[in-house]
Amino acid sequence: IQDMEATAFALEEALLAFAKFLPRTVVRMLLRNNKMHHLGMKPAEVGIHFSDIVNFTGIAEALSSTQLIQVVGEYLQEMSMIIISTGGTIDKFIGDAIMSYWNAPDPV
């Protein structure tokens, strides 16, 4: 039982470390589809998307911090819902920007 517990703990630690380099949704999909042992690279056509708020600095200077947080939160929430609903994966948020991609690791 101690060996099983130690193995489970090591697996959990490895998955948390792996999730630092890939979005958690991708790690979950790889686990769910039993593809962790097939990791590697292969050529693929992917769509990559970057977006941010036009004139963010000007907007930030004109709004209070509370208003700015609300505006950015609403923007990122709406963009996230669109990306996810179309089969995209959110790679990262960078301030007011969002980076996402489609067609990897599985085709959309």
N, C-alpha and C. Protein backbone atom coordinates (compact mmCIF):
# COMPACT_ATOMS: atom_id res chain seq x y z
N ILE A 1 0.83 -1.19 0.00
CA ILE A 1 0.00 0.00 0.00
C ILE A 1 0.87 1.25 0.00
N GLN A 2 1.98 1.21 0.75
CA GLN A 2 2.87 2.37 0.78
C GLN A 2 3.48 2.62 -0.61
N ASP A 3 3.81 1.55 -1.32
CA ASP A 3 4.35 1.72 -2.68
C ASP A 3 3.32 2.34 -3.61
N MET A 4 2.06 1.90 -3.49
CA MET A 4 1.00 2.46 -4.32
C MET A 4 0.79 3.93 -4.00
N GLU A 5 0.83 4.26 -2.72
CA GLU A 5 0.66 5.64 -2.29
C GLU A 5 1.80 6.51 -2.81
N ALA A 6 3.02 6.02 -2.72
CA ALA A 6 4.18 6.76 -3.21
C ALA A 6 4.11 6.94 -4.72
N THR A 7 3.67 5.90 -5.44
CA THR A 7 3.53 6.00 -6.89
C THR A 7 2.47 7.02 -7.27
N ALA A 8 1.33 6.99 -6.58
CA ALA A 8 0.27 7.95 -6.86
C ALA A 8 0.74 9.37 -6.60
N PHE A 9 1.48 9.56 -5.51
CA PHE A 9 2.01 10.89 -5.19
C PHE A 9 3.00 11.35 -6.26
N ALA A 10 3.88 10.46 -6.71
CA ALA A 10 4.85 10.80 -7.76
C ALA A 10 4.14 11.13 -9.06
N LEU A 11 3.08 10.39 -9.39
CA LEU A 11 2.31 10.67 -10.60
C LEU A 11 1.65 12.03 -10.53
N GLU A 12 1.06 12.34 -9.38
CA GLU A 12 0.42 13.63 -9.21
C GLU A 12 1.44 14.77 -9.35
N GLU A 13 2.60 14.62 -8.76
CA GLU A 13 3.66 15.62 -8.86
C GLU A 13 4.11 15.80 -10.31
N ALA A 14 4.24 14.69 -11.03
CA ALA A 14 4.66 14.74 -12.44
C ALA A 14 3.62 15.46 -13.28
N LEU A 15 2.34 15.18 -13.03
CA LEU A 15 1.28 15.83 -13.80
C LEU A 15 1.22 17.32 -13.51
N LEU A 16 1.41 17.70 -12.26
CA LEU A 16 1.43 19.12 -11.92
C LEU A 16 2.60 19.83 -12.61
N ALA A 17 3.75 19.16 -12.66
CA ALA A 17 4.90 19.75 -13.34
C ALA A 17 4.63 19.85 -14.83
N PHE A 18 4.03 18.82 -15.41
CA PHE A 18 3.72 18.81 -16.83
C PHE A 18 2.73 19.93 -17.17
N ALA A 19 1.79 20.18 -16.27
CA ALA A 19 0.78 21.21 -16.50
C ALA A 19 1.37 22.61 -16.49
N LYS A 20 2.60 22.77 -16.03
CA LYS A 20 3.25 24.08 -16.09
C LYS A 20 3.61 24.44 -17.52
N PHE A 21 3.74 23.45 -18.38
CA PHE A 21 4.18 23.68 -19.75
C PHE A 21 3.06 23.55 -20.77
N LEU A 22 1.95 22.99 -20.39
CA LEU A 22 0.80 22.84 -21.27
C LEU A 22 -0.45 23.29 -20.52
N PRO A 23 -1.42 23.81 -21.24
CA PRO A 23 -2.67 24.14 -20.57
C PRO A 23 -3.27 22.88 -19.92
N ARG A 24 -3.87 23.06 -18.76
CA ARG A 24 -4.44 21.92 -18.03
C ARG A 24 -5.46 21.15 -18.87
N THR A 25 -6.19 21.86 -19.74
CA THR A 25 -7.17 21.17 -20.58
C THR A 25 -6.49 20.18 -21.50
N VAL A 26 -5.30 20.51 -21.99
CA VAL A 26 -4.56 19.60 -22.85
C VAL A 26 -4.06 18.40 -22.05
N VAL A 27 -3.54 18.63 -20.85
CA VAL A 27 -3.07 17.52 -20.01
C VAL A 27 -4.24 16.59 -19.70
N ARG A 28 -5.40 17.16 -19.34
CA ARG A 28 -6.57 16.32 -19.04
C ARG A 28 -6.98 15.52 -20.27
N MET A 29 -6.97 16.14 -21.45
CA MET A 29 -7.36 15.44 -22.67
C MET A 29 -6.39 14.30 -22.96
N LEU A 30 -5.10 14.53 -22.79
CA LEU A 30 -4.11 13.48 -23.03
C LEU A 30 -4.32 12.31 -22.08
N LEU A 31 -4.61 12.61 -20.82
CA LEU A 31 -4.87 11.54 -19.85
C LEU A 31 -6.17 10.81 -20.17
N ARG A 32 -7.20 11.56 -20.46
CA ARG A 32 -8.52 10.97 -20.73
C ARG A 32 -8.47 10.05 -21.96
N ASN A 33 -7.71 10.45 -22.97
CA ASN A 33 -7.64 9.67 -24.21
C ASN A 33 -6.46 8.69 -24.22
N ASN A 34 -5.82 8.54 -23.05
CA ASN A 34 -4.70 7.60 -22.90
C ASN A 34 -3.60 7.86 -23.94
N LYS A 35 -3.23 9.12 -24.11
CA LYS A 35 -2.22 9.49 -25.11
C LYS A 35 -0.91 9.95 -24.50
N MET A 36 -0.78 9.87 -23.18
CA MET A 36 0.45 10.35 -22.55
C MET A 36 1.68 9.58 -23.06
N HIS A 37 1.51 8.31 -23.38
CA HIS A 37 2.65 7.52 -23.83
C HIS A 37 2.97 7.76 -25.31
N HIS A 38 2.15 8.53 -26.01
CA HIS A 38 2.38 8.83 -27.42
C HIS A 38 2.89 10.25 -27.64
N LEU A 39 3.40 10.87 -26.60
CA LEU A 39 3.84 12.25 -26.74
C LEU A 39 4.99 12.35 -27.73
N GLY A 40 5.00 13.41 -28.45
CA GLY A 40 6.04 13.66 -29.43
C GLY A 40 5.57 14.79 -30.33
N MET A 41 6.29 15.00 -31.39
CA MET A 41 5.91 16.06 -32.31
C MET A 41 5.59 15.45 -33.66
N LYS A 42 4.66 16.08 -34.35
CA LYS A 42 4.34 15.71 -35.71
C LYS A 42 3.89 16.97 -36.44
N PRO A 43 4.15 17.02 -37.73
CA PRO A 43 3.73 18.21 -38.48
C PRO A 43 2.21 18.35 -38.45
N ALA A 44 1.75 19.56 -38.29
CA ALA A 44 0.31 19.83 -38.29
C ALA A 44 0.07 21.28 -38.64
N GLU A 45 -1.04 21.53 -39.29
CA GLU A 45 -1.45 22.90 -39.54
C GLU A 45 -2.28 23.34 -38.35
N VAL A 46 -1.84 24.39 -37.69
CA VAL A 46 -2.56 24.90 -36.53
C VAL A 46 -2.89 26.36 -36.73
N GLY A 47 -3.95 26.78 -36.09
CA GLY A 47 -4.30 28.20 -36.10
C GLY A 47 -3.89 28.80 -34.77
N ILE A 48 -3.15 29.88 -34.83
CA ILE A 48 -2.71 30.56 -33.61
C ILE A 48 -3.33 31.95 -33.60
N HIS A 49 -3.82 32.34 -32.45
CA HIS A 49 -4.54 33.60 -32.33
C HIS A 49 -3.98 34.43 -31.17
N PHE A 50 -3.69 35.66 -31.44
CA PHE A 50 -3.30 36.63 -30.42
C PHE A 50 -4.31 37.77 -30.50
N SER A 51 -4.80 38.22 -29.37
CA SER A 51 -5.65 39.41 -29.39
C SER A 51 -5.42 40.21 -28.12
N ASP A 52 -5.67 41.49 -28.23
CA ASP A 52 -5.61 42.34 -27.05
C ASP A 52 -6.56 43.51 -27.26
N ILE A 53 -6.66 44.34 -26.26
CA ILE A 53 -7.56 45.48 -26.30
C ILE A 53 -6.84 46.65 -26.97
N VAL A 54 -7.43 47.17 -28.03
CA VAL A 54 -6.86 48.32 -28.74
C VAL A 54 -6.83 49.52 -27.79
N ASN A 55 -5.73 50.26 -27.81
CA ASN A 55 -5.55 51.45 -26.98
C ASN A 55 -5.70 51.15 -25.49
N PHE A 56 -5.17 50.02 -25.08
CA PHE A 56 -5.31 49.62 -23.67
C PHE A 56 -4.70 50.65 -22.73
N THR A 57 -3.56 51.20 -23.08
CA THR A 57 -2.92 52.18 -22.19
C THR A 57 -3.82 53.40 -22.00
N GLY A 58 -4.39 53.90 -23.08
CA GLY A 58 -5.30 55.04 -22.97
C GLY A 58 -6.53 54.72 -22.14
N ILE A 59 -7.08 53.53 -22.34
CA ILE A 59 -8.24 53.11 -21.56
C ILE A 59 -7.87 52.98 -20.09
N ALA A 60 -6.72 52.37 -19.83
CA ALA A 60 -6.27 52.18 -18.44
C ALA A 60 -6.07 53.50 -17.73
N GLU A 61 -5.58 54.50 -18.46
CA GLU A 61 -5.36 55.81 -17.84
C GLU A 61 -6.66 56.53 -17.55
N ALA A 62 -7.72 56.22 -18.32
CA ALA A 62 -8.99 56.92 -18.17
C ALA A 62 -9.92 56.29 -17.14
N LEU A 63 -9.67 55.03 -16.76
CA LEU A 63 -10.58 54.33 -15.85
C LEU A 63 -9.97 54.18 -14.47
N SER A 64 -10.84 54.00 -13.49
CA SER A 64 -10.35 53.66 -12.16
C SER A 64 -9.87 52.21 -12.19
N SER A 65 -9.10 51.80 -11.20
CA SER A 65 -8.60 50.43 -11.18
C SER A 65 -9.75 49.42 -11.13
N THR A 66 -10.81 49.75 -10.41
CA THR A 66 -11.97 48.86 -10.32
C THR A 66 -12.65 48.71 -11.68
N GLN A 67 -12.83 49.84 -12.37
CA GLN A 67 -13.44 49.80 -13.70
C GLN A 67 -12.56 49.03 -14.69
N LEU A 68 -11.25 49.25 -14.60
CA LEU A 68 -10.33 48.58 -15.51
C LEU A 68 -10.36 47.07 -15.31
N ILE A 69 -10.36 46.63 -14.08
CA ILE A 69 -10.42 45.20 -13.79
C ILE A 69 -11.71 44.61 -14.36
N GLN A 70 -12.81 45.33 -14.24
CA GLN A 70 -14.08 44.85 -14.76
C GLN A 70 -14.05 44.74 -16.29
N VAL A 71 -13.53 45.76 -16.96
CA VAL A 71 -13.46 45.76 -18.42
C VAL A 71 -12.57 44.62 -18.92
N VAL A 72 -11.39 44.47 -18.34
CA VAL A 72 -10.47 43.42 -18.77
C VAL A 72 -11.07 42.04 -18.47
N GLY A 73 -11.68 41.90 -17.30
CA GLY A 73 -12.31 40.63 -16.94
C GLY A 73 -13.41 40.23 -17.90
N GLU A 74 -14.26 41.19 -18.26
CA GLU A 74 -15.35 40.91 -19.21
C GLU A 74 -14.79 40.53 -20.59
N TYR A 75 -13.78 41.26 -21.04
CA TYR A 75 -13.17 40.97 -22.34
C TYR A 75 -12.56 39.56 -22.36
N LEU A 76 -11.76 39.24 -21.34
CA LEU A 76 -11.12 37.93 -21.31
C LEU A 76 -12.14 36.81 -21.15
N GLN A 77 -13.20 37.04 -20.39
CA GLN A 77 -14.26 36.04 -20.23
C GLN A 77 -14.95 35.77 -21.56
N GLU A 78 -15.34 36.81 -22.27
CA GLU A 78 -16.01 36.65 -23.56
C GLU A 78 -15.10 35.96 -24.58
N MET A 79 -13.87 36.41 -24.65
CA MET A 79 -12.93 35.80 -25.59
C MET A 79 -12.69 34.33 -25.24
N SER A 80 -12.58 34.02 -23.97
CA SER A 80 -12.37 32.64 -23.53
C SER A 80 -13.53 31.76 -23.95
N MET A 81 -14.75 32.24 -23.75
CA MET A 81 -15.93 31.45 -24.12
C MET A 81 -15.97 31.19 -25.63
N ILE A 82 -15.61 32.20 -26.42
CA ILE A 82 -15.59 32.03 -27.88
C ILE A 82 -14.53 31.01 -28.28
N ILE A 83 -13.35 31.14 -27.73
CA ILE A 83 -12.24 30.24 -28.07
C ILE A 83 -12.61 28.80 -27.72
N ILE A 84 -13.08 28.58 -26.51
CA ILE A 84 -13.41 27.23 -26.06
C ILE A 84 -14.58 26.65 -26.86
N SER A 85 -15.60 27.47 -27.13
CA SER A 85 -16.78 26.96 -27.85
C SER A 85 -16.46 26.60 -29.30
N THR A 86 -15.35 27.10 -29.83
CA THR A 86 -14.97 26.76 -31.21
C THR A 86 -13.85 25.72 -31.25
N GLY A 87 -13.58 25.08 -30.12
CA GLY A 87 -12.58 24.01 -30.08
C GLY A 87 -11.16 24.47 -29.89
N GLY A 88 -10.98 25.74 -29.53
CA GLY A 88 -9.63 26.26 -29.32
C GLY A 88 -9.12 25.95 -27.92
N THR A 89 -7.83 26.11 -27.75
CA THR A 89 -7.18 25.95 -26.46
C THR A 89 -6.53 27.26 -26.08
N ILE A 90 -6.80 27.73 -24.87
CA ILE A 90 -6.17 28.97 -24.41
C ILE A 90 -4.78 28.61 -23.92
N ASP A 91 -3.79 29.23 -24.52
CA ASP A 91 -2.40 28.98 -24.13
C ASP A 91 -2.02 29.84 -22.94
N LYS A 92 -2.33 31.13 -23.02
CA LYS A 92 -1.95 32.01 -21.91
C LYS A 92 -2.66 33.35 -22.01
N PHE A 93 -2.74 34.00 -20.85
CA PHE A 93 -3.19 35.38 -20.74
C PHE A 93 -1.95 36.21 -20.48
N ILE A 94 -1.83 37.33 -21.18
CA ILE A 94 -0.67 38.20 -21.04
C ILE A 94 -1.21 39.62 -20.84
N GLY A 95 -1.46 39.99 -19.60
CA GLY A 95 -2.06 41.29 -19.33
C GLY A 95 -3.45 41.34 -19.94
N ASP A 96 -3.66 42.25 -20.89
CA ASP A 96 -4.96 42.35 -21.56
C ASP A 96 -5.01 41.48 -22.82
N ALA A 97 -3.98 40.71 -23.07
CA ALA A 97 -3.91 39.88 -24.27
C ALA A 97 -4.22 38.43 -23.95
N ILE A 98 -4.59 37.71 -25.00
CA ILE A 98 -4.87 36.28 -24.88
C ILE A 98 -4.26 35.57 -26.09
N MET A 99 -3.61 34.45 -25.84
CA MET A 99 -3.03 33.63 -26.91
C MET A 99 -3.75 32.30 -26.90
N SER A 100 -4.17 31.86 -28.08
CA SER A 100 -4.87 30.58 -28.18
C SER A 100 -4.50 29.90 -29.49
N TYR A 101 -4.88 28.62 -29.57
CA TYR A 101 -4.59 27.87 -30.81
C TYR A 101 -5.66 26.82 -31.05
N TRP A 102 -5.73 26.39 -32.29
CA TRP A 102 -6.68 25.37 -32.71
C TRP A 102 -5.92 24.28 -33.47
N ASN A 103 -6.47 23.07 -33.45
CA ASN A 103 -5.99 21.94 -34.24
C ASN A 103 -4.77 21.26 -33.64
N ALA A 104 -4.54 21.40 -32.34
CA ALA A 104 -3.44 20.70 -31.68
C ALA A 104 -3.84 20.50 -30.23
N PRO A 105 -3.56 19.39 -29.62
CA PRO A 105 -2.86 18.24 -30.19
C PRO A 105 -3.75 17.38 -31.10
N ASP A 106 -5.05 17.54 -31.01
CA ASP A 106 -5.95 16.80 -31.90
C ASP A 106 -6.62 17.75 -32.87
N PRO A 107 -6.93 17.28 -34.08
CA PRO A 107 -7.62 18.14 -35.05
C PRO A 107 -9.00 18.56 -34.56
N VAL A 108 -9.39 19.75 -34.95
CA VAL A 108 -10.71 20.25 -34.59
C VAL A 108 -11.66 19.91 -35.72
